[in-house]
């Protein structure tokens, strides 16, 4: 079988977000593979290590720098990578067209994609890809096992979890709790440099974004810096409750 694992590149969690010319400034910032997507790479590797004979292909769509995230996936253990290089910002629906076409070309039977990414709170990519391929989808997975062509697992529900089974091919979204992603070792980092990283042009996928990006801004909340006199504890407590209720509006 063949597993595709889709990757996105985002700012490292320790980096500060800066806005320049109405866009997030990424120059001189540390960029990493999105954590949600790391769980997908790790799960594909664990399925292979469990005895499933499979080829793991990491896929990313984005500018030239995105290949760093693909190299990380190769160093973790992915067999090869495909980079659709473009500076065009694509919405999830447009991305799903690219991913579905690659899945068809590669004759994939399982696609992993992070449930949502750190810099774009959207769960649309996997659902749109499953719809294009007419494949079943499992979301927010917290456990997975594969037996033959039957995928069994659990995913989050409002007050617990639900168990499911489905037949491949399928699309699965990954999240924290599914596994603990490994760190690439130095020998595997060296081996990854010899693995195939194929570049493709976006033109061949006939994609037209429907969503136009206009601008970005950082929401900044100013502090009121009000200091309560603690000498009279009951009065200070009453004043604090009044501020929380009538100014901050965080309590009823």
C-alpha atoms as a PDB file:
ATOM      1  CA  UNK A   1       0.000   0.000   0.000  1.00  0.00           C
ATOM      2  CA  UNK A   2       0.991   3.642  -0.284  1.00  0.00           C
ATOM      3  CA  UNK A   3       0.443   6.318   2.379  1.00  0.00           C
ATOM      4  CA  UNK A   4       0.465  10.051   1.659  1.00  0.00           C
ATOM      5  CA  UNK A   5       1.106  12.380   4.565  1.00  0.00           C
ATOM      6  CA  UNK A   6       0.448  16.065   3.942  1.00  0.00           C
ATOM      7  CA  UNK A   7       2.700  18.654   5.624  1.00  0.00           C
ATOM      8  CA  UNK A   8       2.492  22.352   6.314  1.00  0.00           C
ATOM      9  CA  UNK A   9       5.257  24.680   7.436  1.00  0.00           C
ATOM     10  CA  UNK A  10       4.527  27.177  10.204  1.00  0.00           C
ATOM     11  CA  UNK A  11       6.305  29.510  12.604  1.00  0.00           C
ATOM     12  CA  UNK A  12       8.004  27.821  15.526  1.00  0.00           C
ATOM     13  CA  UNK A  13       5.890  28.195  18.664  1.00  0.00           C
ATOM     14  CA  UNK A  14       8.718  30.126  20.336  1.00  0.00           C
ATOM     15  CA  UNK A  15       8.816  32.748  17.570  1.00  0.00           C
ATOM     16  CA  UNK A  16       7.080  36.123  17.843  1.00  0.00           C
ATOM     17  CA  UNK A  17       4.576  37.006  15.138  1.00  0.00           C
ATOM     18  CA  UNK A  18       5.407  40.211  13.240  1.00  0.00           C
ATOM     19  CA  UNK A  19       3.287  41.973  10.636  1.00  0.00           C
ATOM     20  CA  UNK A  20       4.940  43.791   7.718  1.00  0.00           C
ATOM     21  CA  UNK A  21       3.026  45.278   4.791  1.00  0.00           C
ATOM     22  CA  UNK A  22      -0.224  43.687   6.057  1.00  0.00           C
ATOM     23  CA  UNK A  23       1.280  40.171   6.041  1.00  0.00           C
ATOM     24  CA  UNK A  24       3.046  37.952   8.570  1.00  0.00           C
ATOM     25  CA  UNK A  25       6.793  38.533   8.231  1.00  0.00           C
ATOM     26  CA  UNK A  26       8.618  35.199   8.016  1.00  0.00           C
ATOM     27  CA  UNK A  27      12.093  36.465   7.162  1.00  0.00           C
ATOM     28  CA  UNK A  28      14.736  35.543   9.758  1.00  0.00           C
ATOM     29  CA  UNK A  29      12.170  33.449  11.655  1.00  0.00           C
ATOM     30  CA  UNK A  30      12.418  29.774  12.522  1.00  0.00           C
ATOM     31  CA  UNK A  31       9.917  27.688  10.551  1.00  0.00           C
ATOM     32  CA  UNK A  32       9.020  24.076  11.357  1.00  0.00           C
ATOM     33  CA  UNK A  33       6.680  21.297  10.290  1.00  0.00           C
ATOM     34  CA  UNK A  34       3.244  21.812  11.806  1.00  0.00           C
ATOM     35  CA  UNK A  35       2.862  19.675  14.932  1.00  0.00           C
ATOM     36  CA  UNK A  36      -0.500  18.252  13.833  1.00  0.00           C
ATOM     37  CA  UNK A  37       1.141  17.000  10.637  1.00  0.00           C
ATOM     38  CA  UNK A  38       4.032  15.456  12.580  1.00  0.00           C
ATOM     39  CA  UNK A  39       1.527  13.065  14.144  1.00  0.00           C
ATOM     40  CA  UNK A  40       0.549  11.941  10.640  1.00  0.00           C
ATOM     41  CA  UNK A  41       4.146  11.202   9.650  1.00  0.00           C
ATOM     42  CA  UNK A  42       4.721   9.319  12.881  1.00  0.00           C
ATOM     43  CA  UNK A  43       1.539   7.259  12.521  1.00  0.00           C
ATOM     44  CA  UNK A  44       2.495   6.263   8.975  1.00  0.00           C
ATOM     45  CA  UNK A  45       5.911   5.138  10.250  1.00  0.00           C
ATOM     46  CA  UNK A  46       4.317   3.146  13.074  1.00  0.00           C
ATOM     47  CA  UNK A  47       1.974   1.379  10.682  1.00  0.00           C
ATOM     48  CA  UNK A  48       4.979   0.334   8.603  1.00  0.00           C
ATOM     49  CA  UNK A  49       6.864  -0.788  11.701  1.00  0.00           C
ATOM     50  CA  UNK A  50       3.870  -2.895  12.765  1.00  0.00           C
ATOM     51  CA  UNK A  51       4.438  -5.067   9.710  1.00  0.00           C
ATOM     52  CA  UNK A  52       2.311  -3.301   7.099  1.00  0.00           C
ATOM     53  CA  UNK A  53       4.179  -3.251   3.805  1.00  0.00           C
ATOM     54  CA  UNK A  54       3.861   0.354   2.703  1.00  0.00           C
ATOM     55  CA  UNK A  55       5.603   3.263   1.013  1.00  0.00           C
ATOM     56  CA  UNK A  56       5.335   6.609   2.801  1.00  0.00           C
ATOM     57  CA  UNK A  57       5.277   9.788   0.706  1.00  0.00           C
ATOM     58  CA  UNK A  58       5.433  13.236   2.304  1.00  0.00           C
ATOM     59  CA  UNK A  59       3.686  16.027   0.360  1.00  0.00           C
ATOM     60  CA  UNK A  60       3.760  19.787   0.735  1.00  0.00           C
ATOM     61  CA  UNK A  61       2.518  22.737  -1.296  1.00  0.00           C
ATOM     62  CA  UNK A  62       4.257  26.073  -0.837  1.00  0.00           C
ATOM     63  CA  UNK A  63       7.319  28.220  -1.505  1.00  0.00           C
ATOM     64  CA  UNK A  64      10.878  26.936  -1.836  1.00  0.00           C
ATOM     65  CA  UNK A  65      11.488  27.050   1.918  1.00  0.00           C
ATOM     66  CA  UNK A  66       8.779  24.413   2.439  1.00  0.00           C
ATOM     67  CA  UNK A  67      11.230  21.716   1.393  1.00  0.00           C
ATOM     68  CA  UNK A  68      12.814  22.041   4.860  1.00  0.00           C
ATOM     69  CA  UNK A  69       9.666  20.522   6.374  1.00  0.00           C
ATOM     70  CA  UNK A  70       9.774  17.734   3.779  1.00  0.00           C
ATOM     71  CA  UNK A  71      13.421  17.040   4.632  1.00  0.00           C
ATOM     72  CA  UNK A  72      12.371  16.670   8.269  1.00  0.00           C
ATOM     73  CA  UNK A  73       9.758  14.080   7.265  1.00  0.00           C
ATOM     74  CA  UNK A  74      12.361  12.212   5.209  1.00  0.00           C
ATOM     75  CA  UNK A  75      14.745  12.269   8.174  1.00  0.00           C
ATOM     76  CA  UNK A  76      11.979  10.852  10.382  1.00  0.00           C
ATOM     77  CA  UNK A  77      11.654   7.923   7.960  1.00  0.00           C
ATOM     78  CA  UNK A  78       9.412   8.826   5.020  1.00  0.00           C
ATOM     79  CA  UNK A  79      10.532   7.112   1.810  1.00  0.00           C
ATOM     80  CA  UNK A  80      10.242  10.048  -0.588  1.00  0.00           C
ATOM     81  CA  UNK A  81       8.688  13.485  -0.913  1.00  0.00           C
ATOM     82  CA  UNK A  82       6.762  15.613  -3.404  1.00  0.00           C
ATOM     83  CA  UNK A  83       6.962  19.394  -3.294  1.00  0.00           C
ATOM     84  CA  UNK A  84       4.471  21.402  -5.324  1.00  0.00           C
ATOM     85  CA  UNK A  85       6.360  24.677  -5.361  1.00  0.00           C
ATOM     86  CA  UNK A  86       4.374  27.909  -5.485  1.00  0.00           C
ATOM     87  CA  UNK A  87       4.352  31.311  -3.818  1.00  0.00           C
ATOM     88  CA  UNK A  88       0.599  31.500  -4.321  1.00  0.00           C
ATOM     89  CA  UNK A  89      -1.438  31.274  -1.124  1.00  0.00           C
ATOM     90  CA  UNK A  90      -3.991  28.476  -1.545  1.00  0.00           C
ATOM     91  CA  UNK A  91      -7.156  27.963   0.453  1.00  0.00           C
ATOM     92  CA  UNK A  92      -8.046  24.437   1.722  1.00  0.00           C
ATOM     93  CA  UNK A  93     -10.461  23.764  -1.149  1.00  0.00           C
ATOM     94  CA  UNK A  94      -7.806  24.596  -3.745  1.00  0.00           C
ATOM     95  CA  UNK A  95      -5.234  22.528  -1.843  1.00  0.00           C
ATOM     96  CA  UNK A  96      -7.611  19.562  -1.783  1.00  0.00           C
ATOM     97  CA  UNK A  97      -7.642  19.536  -5.587  1.00  0.00           C
ATOM     98  CA  UNK A  98      -3.857  19.210  -5.630  1.00  0.00           C
ATOM     99  CA  UNK A  99      -3.794  16.529  -2.941  1.00  0.00           C
ATOM    100  CA  UNK A 100      -6.573  14.485  -4.557  1.00  0.00           C
ATOM    101  CA  UNK A 101      -4.821  14.510  -7.922  1.00  0.00           C
ATOM    102  CA  UNK A 102      -1.521  13.390  -6.381  1.00  0.00           C
ATOM    103  CA  UNK A 103      -3.320  10.630  -4.473  1.00  0.00           C
ATOM    104  CA  UNK A 104      -4.804   9.383  -7.734  1.00  0.00           C
ATOM    105  CA  UNK A 105      -1.498   9.593  -9.597  1.00  0.00           C
ATOM    106  CA  UNK A 106       0.368   7.768  -6.827  1.00  0.00           C
ATOM    107  CA  UNK A 107      -2.413   5.186  -6.359  1.00  0.00           C
ATOM    108  CA  UNK A 108      -2.482   5.937  -2.644  1.00  0.00           C
ATOM    109  CA  UNK A 109      -4.733   4.044  -0.256  1.00  0.00           C
ATOM    110  CA  UNK A 110      -4.416   6.208   2.879  1.00  0.00           C
ATOM    111  CA  UNK A 111      -3.946   9.957   3.420  1.00  0.00           C
ATOM    112  CA  UNK A 112      -2.916  11.556   6.714  1.00  0.00           C
ATOM    113  CA  UNK A 113      -3.413  15.271   7.329  1.00  0.00           C
ATOM    114  CA  UNK A 114      -3.236  17.328  10.507  1.00  0.00           C
ATOM    115  CA  UNK A 115      -6.675  18.126  11.867  1.00  0.00           C
ATOM    116  CA  UNK A 116      -5.887  21.830  11.938  1.00  0.00           C
ATOM    117  CA  UNK A 117      -2.715  23.848  11.644  1.00  0.00           C
ATOM    118  CA  UNK A 118      -1.109  26.265  14.057  1.00  0.00           C
ATOM    119  CA  UNK A 119      -1.515  29.304  11.824  1.00  0.00           C
ATOM    120  CA  UNK A 120      -4.899  28.597  10.213  1.00  0.00           C
ATOM    121  CA  UNK A 121      -7.688  27.154  12.351  1.00  0.00           C
ATOM    122  CA  UNK A 122      -9.401  25.187   9.577  1.00  0.00           C
ATOM    123  CA  UNK A 123     -10.466  21.561   9.407  1.00  0.00           C
ATOM    124  CA  UNK A 124     -11.471  21.746   5.747  1.00  0.00           C
ATOM    125  CA  UNK A 125      -8.536  20.215   3.847  1.00  0.00           C
ATOM    126  CA  UNK A 126      -9.031  16.556   4.714  1.00  0.00           C
ATOM    127  CA  UNK A 127     -12.817  16.752   4.338  1.00  0.00           C
ATOM    128  CA  UNK A 128     -12.547  18.425   0.933  1.00  0.00           C
ATOM    129  CA  UNK A 129      -9.968  15.872  -0.220  1.00  0.00           C
ATOM    130  CA  UNK A 130     -12.148  12.964   0.911  1.00  0.00           C
ATOM    131  CA  UNK A 131     -15.106  14.477  -0.945  1.00  0.00           C
ATOM    132  CA  UNK A 132     -13.112  14.837  -4.181  1.00  0.00           C
ATOM    133  CA  UNK A 133     -11.891  11.239  -3.975  1.00  0.00           C
ATOM    134  CA  UNK A 134     -15.214   9.891  -2.667  1.00  0.00           C
ATOM    135  CA  UNK A 135     -13.329   8.236   0.211  1.00  0.00           C
ATOM    136  CA  UNK A 136     -14.501   7.869   3.825  1.00  0.00           C
ATOM    137  CA  UNK A 137     -12.931  10.176   6.404  1.00  0.00           C
ATOM    138  CA  UNK A 138     -12.043   9.704  10.083  1.00  0.00           C
ATOM    139  CA  UNK A 139     -11.421  12.872  12.097  1.00  0.00           C
ATOM    140  CA  UNK A 140      -9.643  13.743  15.354  1.00  0.00           C
ATOM    141  CA  UNK A 141      -8.199  10.249  15.649  1.00  0.00           C
ATOM    142  CA  UNK A 142      -6.630   9.236  18.951  1.00  0.00           C
ATOM    143  CA  UNK A 143      -5.870   5.566  18.124  1.00  0.00           C
ATOM    144  CA  UNK A 144      -5.398   3.578  14.909  1.00  0.00           C
ATOM    145  CA  UNK A 145      -4.715  -0.016  13.894  1.00  0.00           C
ATOM    146  CA  UNK A 146      -4.723  -1.539  10.433  1.00  0.00           C
ATOM    147  CA  UNK A 147      -5.613  -5.135   9.614  1.00  0.00           C
ATOM    148  CA  UNK A 148      -5.582  -5.924   5.927  1.00  0.00           C
ATOM    149  CA  UNK A 149      -7.670  -3.173   4.394  1.00  0.00           C
ATOM    150  CA  UNK A 150      -9.697  -2.455   7.548  1.00  0.00           C
ATOM    151  CA  UNK A 151      -8.765   0.559   9.650  1.00  0.00           C
ATOM    152  CA  UNK A 152      -9.924   0.502  13.269  1.00  0.00           C
ATOM    153  CA  UNK A 153      -9.564   3.363  15.690  1.00  0.00           C
ATOM    154  CA  UNK A 154     -10.972   5.921  18.078  1.00  0.00           C
ATOM    155  CA  UNK A 155     -11.690   9.594  17.752  1.00  0.00           C
ATOM    156  CA  UNK A 156     -12.761  12.334  20.112  1.00  0.00           C
ATOM    157  CA  UNK A 157     -16.402  13.008  20.902  1.00  0.00           C
ATOM    158  CA  UNK A 158     -17.995  15.691  23.075  1.00  0.00           C
ATOM    159  CA  UNK A 159     -17.930  13.650  26.283  1.00  0.00           C
ATOM    160  CA  UNK A 160     -15.439  10.878  25.553  1.00  0.00           C
ATOM    161  CA  UNK A 161     -14.460   8.956  22.452  1.00  0.00           C
ATOM    162  CA  UNK A 162     -16.030   6.861  19.701  1.00  0.00           C
ATOM    163  CA  UNK A 163     -14.675   3.698  18.099  1.00  0.00           C
ATOM    164  CA  UNK A 164     -14.885   3.215  14.345  1.00  0.00           C
ATOM    165  CA  UNK A 165     -13.931   0.880  11.517  1.00  0.00           C
ATOM    166  CA  UNK A 166     -13.673   1.731   7.849  1.00  0.00           C
ATOM    167  CA  UNK A 167     -12.325   0.184   4.700  1.00  0.00           C
ATOM    168  CA  UNK A 168      -9.422   1.652   2.765  1.00  0.00           C
ATOM    169  CA  UNK A 169      -8.900   3.867   0.866  1.00  0.00           C
ATOM    170  CA  UNK A 170      -9.537   6.611   3.415  1.00  0.00           C
ATOM    171  CA  UNK A 171      -8.533  10.050   4.664  1.00  0.00           C
ATOM    172  CA  UNK A 172      -7.567  10.433   8.336  1.00  0.00           C
ATOM    173  CA  UNK A 173      -6.888  13.597  10.330  1.00  0.00           C
ATOM    174  CA  UNK A 174      -4.322  13.426  13.110  1.00  0.00           C
ATOM    175  CA  UNK A 175      -3.970  15.250  16.415  1.00  0.00           C
ATOM    176  CA  UNK A 176      -2.141  15.358  19.720  1.00  0.00           C
ATOM    177  CA  UNK A 177      -2.595  12.133  21.680  1.00  0.00           C
ATOM    178  CA  UNK A 178      -2.460   9.826  18.674  1.00  0.00           C
ATOM    179  CA  UNK A 179       1.257   9.223  19.202  1.00  0.00           C
ATOM    180  CA  UNK A 180       4.515  10.877  20.219  1.00  0.00           C
ATOM    181  CA  UNK A 181       6.505  11.925  17.117  1.00  0.00           C
ATOM    182  CA  UNK A 182      10.142  10.842  17.026  1.00  0.00           C
ATOM    183  CA  UNK A 183      13.119  13.105  16.607  1.00  0.00           C
ATOM    184  CA  UNK A 184      15.227  12.542  13.485  1.00  0.00           C
ATOM    185  CA  UNK A 185      18.565  10.950  14.348  1.00  0.00           C
ATOM    186  CA  UNK A 186      21.820  12.173  12.814  1.00  0.00           C
ATOM    187  CA  UNK A 187      22.271   9.007  10.670  1.00  0.00           C
ATOM    188  CA  UNK A 188      18.716   9.372   9.340  1.00  0.00           C
ATOM    189  CA  UNK A 189      19.269  13.057   8.640  1.00  0.00           C
ATOM    190  CA  UNK A 190      22.289  12.125   6.530  1.00  0.00           C
ATOM    191  CA  UNK A 191      20.324   9.376   4.747  1.00  0.00           C
ATOM    192  CA  UNK A 192      17.464  11.774   4.009  1.00  0.00           C
ATOM    193  CA  UNK A 193      19.746  13.861   1.785  1.00  0.00           C
ATOM    194  CA  UNK A 194      19.886  10.962  -0.672  1.00  0.00           C
ATOM    195  CA  UNK A 195      16.133  10.340  -0.723  1.00  0.00           C
ATOM    196  CA  UNK A 196      13.983  11.553  -3.594  1.00  0.00           C
ATOM    197  CA  UNK A 197      12.387  14.986  -3.221  1.00  0.00           C
ATOM    198  CA  UNK A 198      10.479  15.600  -6.440  1.00  0.00           C
ATOM    199  CA  UNK A 199       9.391  19.091  -7.387  1.00  0.00           C
ATOM    200  CA  UNK A 200       6.184  19.732  -9.297  1.00  0.00           C
ATOM    201  CA  UNK A 201       4.678  22.881 -10.773  1.00  0.00           C
ATOM    202  CA  UNK A 202       1.290  24.081  -9.560  1.00  0.00           C
ATOM    203  CA  UNK A 203       0.284  24.799 -13.165  1.00  0.00           C
ATOM    204  CA  UNK A 204      -0.242  21.134 -13.970  1.00  0.00           C
ATOM    205  CA  UNK A 205      -3.000  20.819 -11.341  1.00  0.00           C
ATOM    206  CA  UNK A 206      -5.243  23.496 -12.882  1.00  0.00           C
ATOM    207  CA  UNK A 207      -5.983  25.126  -9.527  1.00  0.00           C
ATOM    208  CA  UNK A 208      -7.730  28.476  -9.100  1.00  0.00           C
ATOM    209  CA  UNK A 209      -7.967  29.732  -5.486  1.00  0.00           C
ATOM    210  CA  UNK A 210     -11.460  30.829  -4.450  1.00  0.00           C
ATOM    211  CA  UNK A 211     -10.311  32.650  -1.327  1.00  0.00           C
ATOM    212  CA  UNK A 212      -8.373  35.896  -1.696  1.00  0.00           C
ATOM    213  CA  UNK A 213      -6.069  36.926   1.150  1.00  0.00           C
ATOM    214  CA  UNK A 214      -6.343  40.656   1.882  1.00  0.00           C
ATOM    215  CA  UNK A 215      -4.392  41.470   5.032  1.00  0.00           C
ATOM    216  CA  UNK A 216      -3.299  40.274   8.469  1.00  0.00           C
ATOM    217  CA  UNK A 217      -3.264  42.028  11.827  1.00  0.00           C
ATOM    218  CA  UNK A 218      -2.288  41.202  15.390  1.00  0.00           C
ATOM    219  CA  UNK A 219      -4.960  41.736  17.999  1.00  0.00           C
ATOM    220  CA  UNK A 220      -3.478  43.716  20.862  1.00  0.00           C
ATOM    221  CA  UNK A 221      -5.376  44.316  24.091  1.00  0.00           C
ATOM    222  CA  UNK A 222      -4.161  47.203  26.239  1.00  0.00           C
ATOM    223  CA  UNK A 223      -3.915  46.712  29.994  1.00  0.00           C
ATOM    224  CA  UNK A 224      -5.978  48.931  32.291  1.00  0.00           C
ATOM    225  CA  UNK A 225      -3.281  48.732  35.013  1.00  0.00           C
ATOM    226  CA  UNK A 226      -5.766  49.234  37.827  1.00  0.00           C
ATOM    227  CA  UNK A 227      -4.337  48.568  41.285  1.00  0.00           C
ATOM    228  CA  UNK A 228      -6.673  47.641  44.122  1.00  0.00           C
ATOM    229  CA  UNK A 229      -5.994  48.756  47.693  1.00  0.00           C
ATOM    230  CA  UNK A 230      -5.497  45.549  49.635  1.00  0.00           C
ATOM    231  CA  UNK A 231      -5.645  47.125  53.074  1.00  0.00           C
ATOM    232  CA  UNK A 232      -9.425  46.633  53.158  1.00  0.00           C
ATOM    233  CA  UNK A 233      -9.758  43.057  51.873  1.00  0.00           C
ATOM    234  CA  UNK A 234     -13.600  42.887  51.713  1.00  0.00           C
ATOM    235  CA  UNK A 235     -13.782  46.203  49.840  1.00  0.00           C
ATOM    236  CA  UNK A 236     -11.001  45.127  47.429  1.00  0.00           C
ATOM    237  CA  UNK A 237     -12.800  41.844  46.759  1.00  0.00           C
ATOM    238  CA  UNK A 238     -16.064  43.651  46.051  1.00  0.00           C
ATOM    239  CA  UNK A 239     -14.275  46.083  43.711  1.00  0.00           C
ATOM    240  CA  UNK A 240     -12.576  43.202  41.884  1.00  0.00           C
ATOM    241  CA  UNK A 241     -15.897  41.427  41.346  1.00  0.00           C
ATOM    242  CA  UNK A 242     -17.414  44.666  40.042  1.00  0.00           C
ATOM    243  CA  UNK A 243     -14.548  45.153  37.559  1.00  0.00           C
ATOM    244  CA  UNK A 244     -14.732  41.554  36.344  1.00  0.00           C
ATOM    245  CA  UNK A 245     -18.499  41.769  35.909  1.00  0.00           C
ATOM    246  CA  UNK A 246     -18.992  45.248  34.464  1.00  0.00           C
ATOM    247  CA  UNK A 247     -15.712  46.122  32.720  1.00  0.00           C
ATOM    248  CA  UNK A 248     -14.010  42.863  31.764  1.00  0.00           C
ATOM    249  CA  UNK A 249     -17.409  41.114  31.426  1.00  0.00           C
ATOM    250  CA  UNK A 250     -15.909  37.712  32.213  1.00  0.00           C
ATOM    251  CA  UNK A 251     -18.387  36.807  34.944  1.00  0.00           C
ATOM    252  CA  UNK A 252     -22.178  37.171  35.101  1.00  0.00           C
END
